[in-house]
């Protein structure tokens, strides 16, 4: 399933237009992204928790040359599924 399929499902569920549904989906995605940019968590009941995790700096090795490369610290998005989602997938 991709974004367009989600838009079509929302439009069908709300008996609305695809344009309105796409705007709603875009607002939801933008809200999640902007909240994560601020460093806050997003919790959606029954789905899970989106969070930002700090990844420490580390030394890695280039597999082609064997040279050691410094990888700087960074922040990465993380998703922890809710129990309801885990049970639904089983």
N, C-alpha and C. Protein backbone atom coordinates (compact mmCIF):
# COMPACT_ATOMS: atom_id res chain seq x y z
N UNK A 1 0.86 -1.17 0.00
CA UNK A 1 0.00 0.00 0.00
C UNK A 1 0.90 1.23 0.00
N UNK A 2 0.55 2.19 -0.83
CA UNK A 2 1.31 3.43 -0.89
C UNK A 2 0.40 4.61 -0.51
N UNK A 3 0.93 5.81 -0.61
CA UNK A 3 0.18 7.00 -0.21
C UNK A 3 -1.10 7.15 -1.01
N UNK A 4 -1.04 6.89 -2.31
CA UNK A 4 -2.23 7.04 -3.15
C UNK A 4 -3.33 6.07 -2.73
N UNK A 5 -2.97 4.86 -2.36
CA UNK A 5 -3.95 3.88 -1.91
C UNK A 5 -4.58 4.32 -0.59
N UNK A 6 -3.79 4.93 0.28
CA UNK A 6 -4.33 5.45 1.55
C UNK A 6 -5.30 6.58 1.26
N UNK A 7 -4.95 7.47 0.33
CA UNK A 7 -5.84 8.58 -0.05
C UNK A 7 -7.16 8.04 -0.57
N UNK A 8 -7.11 7.02 -1.41
CA UNK A 8 -8.34 6.43 -1.95
C UNK A 8 -9.19 5.80 -0.86
N UNK A 9 -8.55 5.13 0.11
CA UNK A 9 -9.28 4.51 1.21
C UNK A 9 -9.94 5.58 2.09
N UNK A 10 -9.24 6.67 2.36
CA UNK A 10 -9.81 7.76 3.16
C UNK A 10 -10.97 8.40 2.42
N UNK A 11 -10.82 8.64 1.14
CA UNK A 11 -11.89 9.24 0.34
C UNK A 11 -13.14 8.35 0.34
N UNK A 12 -12.94 7.05 0.22
CA UNK A 12 -14.07 6.12 0.22
C UNK A 12 -14.75 6.06 1.59
N UNK A 13 -13.95 6.09 2.66
CA UNK A 13 -14.51 6.02 4.01
C UNK A 13 -15.29 7.27 4.37
N UNK A 14 -14.86 8.42 3.87
CA UNK A 14 -15.51 9.69 4.20
C UNK A 14 -16.53 10.13 3.16
N UNK A 15 -16.69 9.35 2.09
CA UNK A 15 -17.57 9.73 0.98
C UNK A 15 -17.23 11.13 0.47
N UNK A 16 -15.94 11.40 0.38
CA UNK A 16 -15.48 12.71 -0.08
C UNK A 16 -14.66 12.59 -1.34
N UNK A 17 -14.06 13.70 -1.73
CA UNK A 17 -13.24 13.71 -2.92
C UNK A 17 -11.82 13.25 -2.60
N UNK A 18 -11.12 12.83 -3.63
CA UNK A 18 -9.73 12.42 -3.44
C UNK A 18 -8.86 13.61 -3.07
N UNK A 19 -9.20 14.78 -3.58
CA UNK A 19 -8.41 15.99 -3.26
C UNK A 19 -8.50 16.31 -1.77
N UNK A 20 -9.69 16.20 -1.21
CA UNK A 20 -9.87 16.47 0.21
C UNK A 20 -9.16 15.41 1.04
N UNK A 21 -9.29 14.16 0.62
CA UNK A 21 -8.63 13.07 1.34
C UNK A 21 -7.11 13.21 1.27
N UNK A 22 -6.58 13.61 0.11
CA UNK A 22 -5.13 13.78 -0.02
C UNK A 22 -4.64 14.90 0.89
N UNK A 23 -5.42 15.96 0.99
CA UNK A 23 -5.05 17.06 1.88
C UNK A 23 -5.02 16.59 3.34
N UNK A 24 -6.00 15.77 3.72
CA UNK A 24 -6.04 15.24 5.08
C UNK A 24 -4.84 14.34 5.37
N UNK A 25 -4.50 13.48 4.43
CA UNK A 25 -3.35 12.59 4.60
C UNK A 25 -2.06 13.41 4.67
N UNK A 26 -1.93 14.42 3.82
CA UNK A 26 -0.74 15.28 3.84
C UNK A 26 -0.60 16.01 5.17
N UNK A 27 -1.70 16.50 5.71
CA UNK A 27 -1.66 17.21 7.00
C UNK A 27 -1.22 16.25 8.10
N UNK A 28 -1.72 15.02 8.08
CA UNK A 28 -1.34 14.04 9.09
C UNK A 28 0.16 13.73 9.01
N UNK A 29 0.65 13.49 7.80
CA UNK A 29 2.08 13.18 7.63
C UNK A 29 2.94 14.37 8.02
N UNK A 30 2.56 15.57 7.60
CA UNK A 30 3.32 16.77 7.94
C UNK A 30 3.34 17.00 9.45
N UNK A 31 2.23 16.72 10.12
CA UNK A 31 2.17 16.88 11.57
C UNK A 31 3.12 15.92 12.27
N UNK A 32 3.16 14.68 11.81
CA UNK A 32 4.07 13.70 12.40
C UNK A 32 5.52 14.12 12.18
N UNK A 33 5.86 14.54 10.96
CA UNK A 33 7.24 14.93 10.64
C UNK A 33 7.66 16.15 11.44
N UNK A 34 6.79 17.16 11.53
CA UNK A 34 7.17 18.38 12.26
C UNK A 34 7.32 18.11 13.75
N UNK A 35 6.50 17.23 14.30
CA UNK A 35 6.63 16.88 15.72
C UNK A 35 7.93 16.14 15.97
N UNK A 36 8.30 15.23 15.07
CA UNK A 36 9.56 14.51 15.22
C UNK A 36 10.75 15.45 15.06
N UNK A 37 10.65 16.44 14.18
CA UNK A 37 11.73 17.41 14.00
C UNK A 37 12.00 18.17 15.29
N UNK A 38 10.94 18.43 16.07
CA UNK A 38 11.08 19.13 17.35
C UNK A 38 11.67 18.22 18.43
N UNK A 39 11.73 16.91 18.14
CA UNK A 39 12.28 15.97 19.11
C UNK A 39 11.23 15.32 19.98
N UNK A 40 9.95 15.58 19.72
CA UNK A 40 8.88 14.99 20.51
C UNK A 40 8.43 13.68 19.90
N UNK A 41 7.75 12.86 20.71
CA UNK A 41 7.21 11.59 20.25
C UNK A 41 5.80 11.77 19.73
N UNK A 42 5.38 10.88 18.82
CA UNK A 42 4.01 10.86 18.30
C UNK A 42 3.44 9.49 18.63
N UNK A 43 2.38 9.46 19.43
CA UNK A 43 1.76 8.21 19.84
C UNK A 43 0.38 8.12 19.21
N UNK A 44 0.14 7.06 18.45
CA UNK A 44 -1.15 6.83 17.82
C UNK A 44 -1.68 5.51 18.38
N UNK A 45 -2.79 5.59 19.13
CA UNK A 45 -3.36 4.41 19.79
C UNK A 45 -3.69 3.34 18.77
N UNK A 46 -3.28 2.12 19.07
CA UNK A 46 -3.53 0.99 18.20
C UNK A 46 -2.52 0.84 17.08
N UNK A 47 -1.71 1.85 16.83
CA UNK A 47 -0.71 1.79 15.76
C UNK A 47 0.69 1.71 16.34
N UNK A 48 1.08 2.69 17.15
CA UNK A 48 2.40 2.67 17.76
C UNK A 48 2.92 4.04 18.07
N UNK A 49 4.21 4.11 18.35
CA UNK A 49 4.87 5.35 18.75
C UNK A 49 6.01 5.65 17.78
N UNK A 50 5.97 6.84 17.21
CA UNK A 50 7.08 7.35 16.40
C UNK A 50 7.95 8.18 17.34
N UNK A 51 9.25 7.99 17.29
CA UNK A 51 10.16 8.71 18.17
C UNK A 51 11.45 9.03 17.41
N UNK A 52 12.27 9.88 18.02
CA UNK A 52 13.58 10.22 17.47
C UNK A 52 14.64 9.63 18.39
N UNK A 53 15.58 8.91 17.81
CA UNK A 53 16.64 8.27 18.57
C UNK A 53 17.97 8.90 18.20
N UNK A 54 18.79 9.15 19.20
CA UNK A 54 20.15 9.67 18.96
C UNK A 54 21.07 8.49 18.67
N UNK A 55 21.79 8.57 17.58
CA UNK A 55 22.75 7.54 17.23
C UNK A 55 24.14 8.12 17.47
N UNK A 56 24.92 7.46 18.28
CA UNK A 56 26.24 7.96 18.68
C UNK A 56 27.22 7.91 17.51
N UNK A 57 28.24 8.74 17.60
CA UNK A 57 29.32 8.71 16.60
C UNK A 57 30.06 7.38 16.74
N UNK A 58 30.60 6.91 15.62
CA UNK A 58 31.30 5.63 15.66
C UNK A 58 32.34 5.57 14.56
N UNK A 59 33.17 4.58 14.67
CA UNK A 59 34.17 4.32 13.64
C UNK A 59 33.68 3.12 12.82
N UNK A 60 33.68 3.26 11.51
CA UNK A 60 33.28 2.17 10.61
C UNK A 60 34.44 1.84 9.70
N UNK A 61 34.30 0.76 8.96
CA UNK A 61 35.36 0.33 8.08
C UNK A 61 34.82 0.22 6.66
N UNK A 62 35.53 0.83 5.72
CA UNK A 62 35.17 0.73 4.31
C UNK A 62 35.50 -0.69 3.86
N UNK A 63 34.47 -1.47 3.43
CA UNK A 63 34.74 -2.86 3.08
C UNK A 63 35.63 -3.03 1.84
N UNK A 64 35.65 -2.05 0.97
CA UNK A 64 36.46 -2.17 -0.25
C UNK A 64 37.94 -1.93 0.05
N UNK A 65 38.24 -0.88 0.84
CA UNK A 65 39.64 -0.51 1.07
C UNK A 65 40.14 -0.93 2.44
N UNK A 66 39.23 -1.20 3.38
CA UNK A 66 39.64 -1.53 4.74
C UNK A 66 39.96 -0.31 5.56
N UNK A 67 39.82 0.87 4.97
CA UNK A 67 40.12 2.12 5.64
C UNK A 67 39.07 2.42 6.72
N UNK A 68 39.52 2.94 7.86
CA UNK A 68 38.62 3.33 8.94
C UNK A 68 38.02 4.70 8.62
N UNK A 69 36.70 4.79 8.79
CA UNK A 69 35.98 6.02 8.47
C UNK A 69 35.20 6.45 9.71
N UNK A 70 35.22 7.74 10.01
CA UNK A 70 34.46 8.28 11.14
C UNK A 70 33.03 8.58 10.68
N UNK A 71 32.05 8.02 11.40
CA UNK A 71 30.64 8.28 11.12
C UNK A 71 30.14 9.20 12.23
N UNK A 72 29.69 10.42 11.91
CA UNK A 72 29.28 11.36 12.95
C UNK A 72 27.97 10.96 13.63
N UNK A 73 27.74 11.53 14.80
CA UNK A 73 26.49 11.30 15.52
C UNK A 73 25.33 11.88 14.71
N UNK A 74 24.18 11.25 14.82
CA UNK A 74 23.01 11.70 14.08
C UNK A 74 21.74 11.32 14.81
N UNK A 75 20.63 11.84 14.34
CA UNK A 75 19.32 11.47 14.88
C UNK A 75 18.58 10.69 13.81
N UNK A 76 17.91 9.61 14.22
CA UNK A 76 17.17 8.78 13.28
C UNK A 76 15.76 8.55 13.79
N UNK A 77 14.78 8.44 12.87
CA UNK A 77 13.42 8.13 13.30
C UNK A 77 13.31 6.67 13.73
N UNK A 78 12.43 6.43 14.70
CA UNK A 78 12.25 5.09 15.22
C UNK A 78 10.75 4.84 15.37
N UNK A 79 10.30 3.62 15.14
CA UNK A 79 8.89 3.28 15.29
C UNK A 79 8.77 2.06 16.19
N UNK A 80 7.93 2.16 17.22
CA UNK A 80 7.66 1.04 18.10
C UNK A 80 6.19 0.68 17.94
N UNK A 81 5.89 -0.48 17.37
CA UNK A 81 4.49 -0.85 17.13
C UNK A 81 3.74 -1.12 18.43
N UNK A 82 2.45 -0.81 18.41
CA UNK A 82 1.59 -1.05 19.56
C UNK A 82 1.26 -2.54 19.64
N UNK A 83 0.85 -2.99 20.81
CA UNK A 83 0.50 -4.40 20.99
C UNK A 83 -0.64 -4.80 20.06
N UNK A 84 -1.62 -3.91 19.87
CA UNK A 84 -2.74 -4.21 18.98
C UNK A 84 -2.27 -4.46 17.56
N UNK A 85 -1.31 -3.70 17.09
CA UNK A 85 -0.76 -3.88 15.75
C UNK A 85 0.00 -5.19 15.65
N UNK A 86 0.79 -5.50 16.67
CA UNK A 86 1.53 -6.76 16.69
C UNK A 86 0.58 -7.96 16.64
N UNK A 87 -0.49 -7.88 17.44
CA UNK A 87 -1.45 -8.97 17.48
C UNK A 87 -2.21 -9.11 16.17
N UNK A 88 -2.51 -7.99 15.51
CA UNK A 88 -3.24 -8.02 14.24
C UNK A 88 -2.41 -8.65 13.14
N UNK A 89 -1.11 -8.49 13.18
CA UNK A 89 -0.23 -8.99 12.13
C UNK A 89 0.04 -10.49 12.30
N UNK A 90 -0.02 -10.98 13.52
CA UNK A 90 0.29 -12.40 13.79
C UNK A 90 -0.60 -13.33 13.02
